[in-house]
Amino acid sequence: MKGRDMETLVFLGRVKAVNVEFCNDSKTMAKVVAKLDTEEEVETECIPTRAAGKISTVMKHYLRLGVGKYIITNDKVSGNVDTEGGEDEVQD
């Protein structure tokens, strides 16, 4: 799985935890491992450690901000979302 796909899972509210695991003994390659809300683990392929660290950091910030809580679902609307669908009103 690509790093951008992992970040998408955070936006969808599916990721609960993120970790980085090294792929070799010299610690030059690593992969990002995410634990989903279904207790399943998904991971990226082995990429340079610096890139894996950046992806992990971004995902952890998204989790801390709670971006997955502002998703529209079929059963309810959560977050600050305009459900009226009208045109934008401009005050003069």
Protein backbone atom coordinates (compact mmCIF):
# COMPACT_ATOMS: atom_id res chain seq x y z
CA MET A 1 0.00 0.00 0.00
CA LYS A 2 1.24 3.49 -0.79
CA GLY A 3 1.71 6.19 1.86
CA ARG A 4 -1.03 8.36 0.36
CA ASP A 5 -3.44 5.42 0.64
CA MET A 6 -2.56 5.09 4.33
CA GLU A 7 -3.27 8.79 4.83
CA THR A 8 -6.64 8.34 3.12
CA LEU A 9 -7.52 5.67 5.67
CA VAL A 10 -6.91 8.25 8.41
CA PHE A 11 -9.27 10.71 6.68
CA LEU A 12 -11.92 7.99 6.51
CA GLY A 13 -11.60 7.42 10.24
CA ARG A 14 -10.40 3.83 9.90
CA VAL A 15 -6.91 4.10 11.49
CA LYS A 16 -6.54 3.78 15.27
CA ALA A 17 -2.74 3.53 15.66
CA VAL A 18 0.39 4.11 13.53
CA ASN A 19 3.88 2.66 13.94
CA VAL A 20 7.13 2.44 11.95
CA GLU A 21 8.98 -0.89 11.62
CA PHE A 22 12.49 -1.25 10.18
CA CYS A 23 12.98 -3.60 7.23
CA ASN A 24 16.73 -4.23 7.58
CA ASP A 25 19.43 -4.25 10.25
CA SER A 26 21.10 -1.08 9.00
CA LYS A 27 17.79 0.79 9.51
CA THR A 28 17.92 2.44 6.09
CA MET A 29 14.55 1.04 4.99
CA ALA A 30 11.32 1.02 6.99
CA LYS A 31 7.59 0.52 6.56
CA VAL A 32 4.60 2.26 8.11
CA VAL A 33 2.18 -0.08 9.88
CA ALA A 34 -1.35 1.08 10.73
CA LYS A 35 -3.85 -0.71 12.93
CA LEU A 36 -7.41 -0.27 11.69
CA ASP A 37 -10.67 -0.13 13.61
CA THR A 38 -11.32 -3.72 12.48
CA GLU A 39 -8.12 -4.85 14.30
CA GLU A 40 -6.53 -5.51 10.88
CA GLU A 41 -3.00 -4.26 10.19
CA VAL A 42 -2.04 -2.68 6.88
CA GLU A 43 1.46 -1.61 5.89
CA THR A 44 3.40 0.16 3.20
CA GLU A 45 6.17 -1.47 1.24
CA CYS A 46 9.72 -0.92 2.48
CA ILE A 47 10.68 2.68 1.75
CA PRO A 48 13.54 4.91 2.97
CA THR A 49 13.35 5.47 6.73
CA ARG A 50 13.08 9.24 6.38
CA ALA A 51 10.00 8.94 4.12
CA ALA A 52 8.38 6.39 6.45
CA GLY A 53 8.97 8.73 9.39
CA LYS A 54 7.36 11.65 7.58
CA ILE A 55 4.30 9.59 6.62
CA SER A 56 3.98 8.32 10.18
CA THR A 57 4.28 11.83 11.62
CA VAL A 58 1.62 13.24 9.29
CA MET A 59 -0.75 10.37 10.08
CA LYS A 60 -0.26 10.84 13.83
CA HIS A 61 -1.01 14.55 13.51
CA TYR A 62 -4.19 13.75 11.56
CA LEU A 63 -5.21 11.28 14.28
CA ARG A 64 -4.54 13.86 16.99
CA LEU A 65 -6.61 16.46 15.12
CA GLY A 66 -9.46 13.96 14.74
CA VAL A 67 -9.99 14.51 11.01
CA GLY A 68 -11.74 11.13 10.73
CA LYS A 69 -14.60 12.42 12.87
CA TYR A 70 -15.80 14.86 10.21
CA ILE A 71 -16.98 12.34 7.64
CA ILE A 72 -20.54 12.22 6.31
CA THR A 73 -22.03 8.75 6.66
CA ASN A 74 -25.39 7.33 5.67
CA ASP A 75 -26.74 7.09 9.21
CA LYS A 76 -25.74 10.47 10.66
CA VAL A 77 -23.88 13.68 9.95
CA SER A 78 -20.97 14.40 12.25
CA GLY A 79 -18.96 17.57 12.43
CA ASN A 80 -19.82 21.04 11.17
CA VAL A 81 -21.38 20.28 7.78
CA ASP A 82 -23.97 22.28 5.81
CA THR A 83 -26.79 19.84 5.03
CA GLU A 84 -29.16 22.41 3.47
CA GLY A 85 -27.46 22.39 0.06
CA GLY A 86 -28.56 25.95 -0.73
CA GLU A 87 -26.57 28.62 -2.45
CA ASP A 88 -23.96 30.59 -0.56
CA GLU A 89 -25.37 33.74 0.98
CA VAL A 90 -23.31 36.89 0.83
CA GLN A 91 -24.09 39.79 3.13
CA ASP A 92 -23.48 43.29 1.81
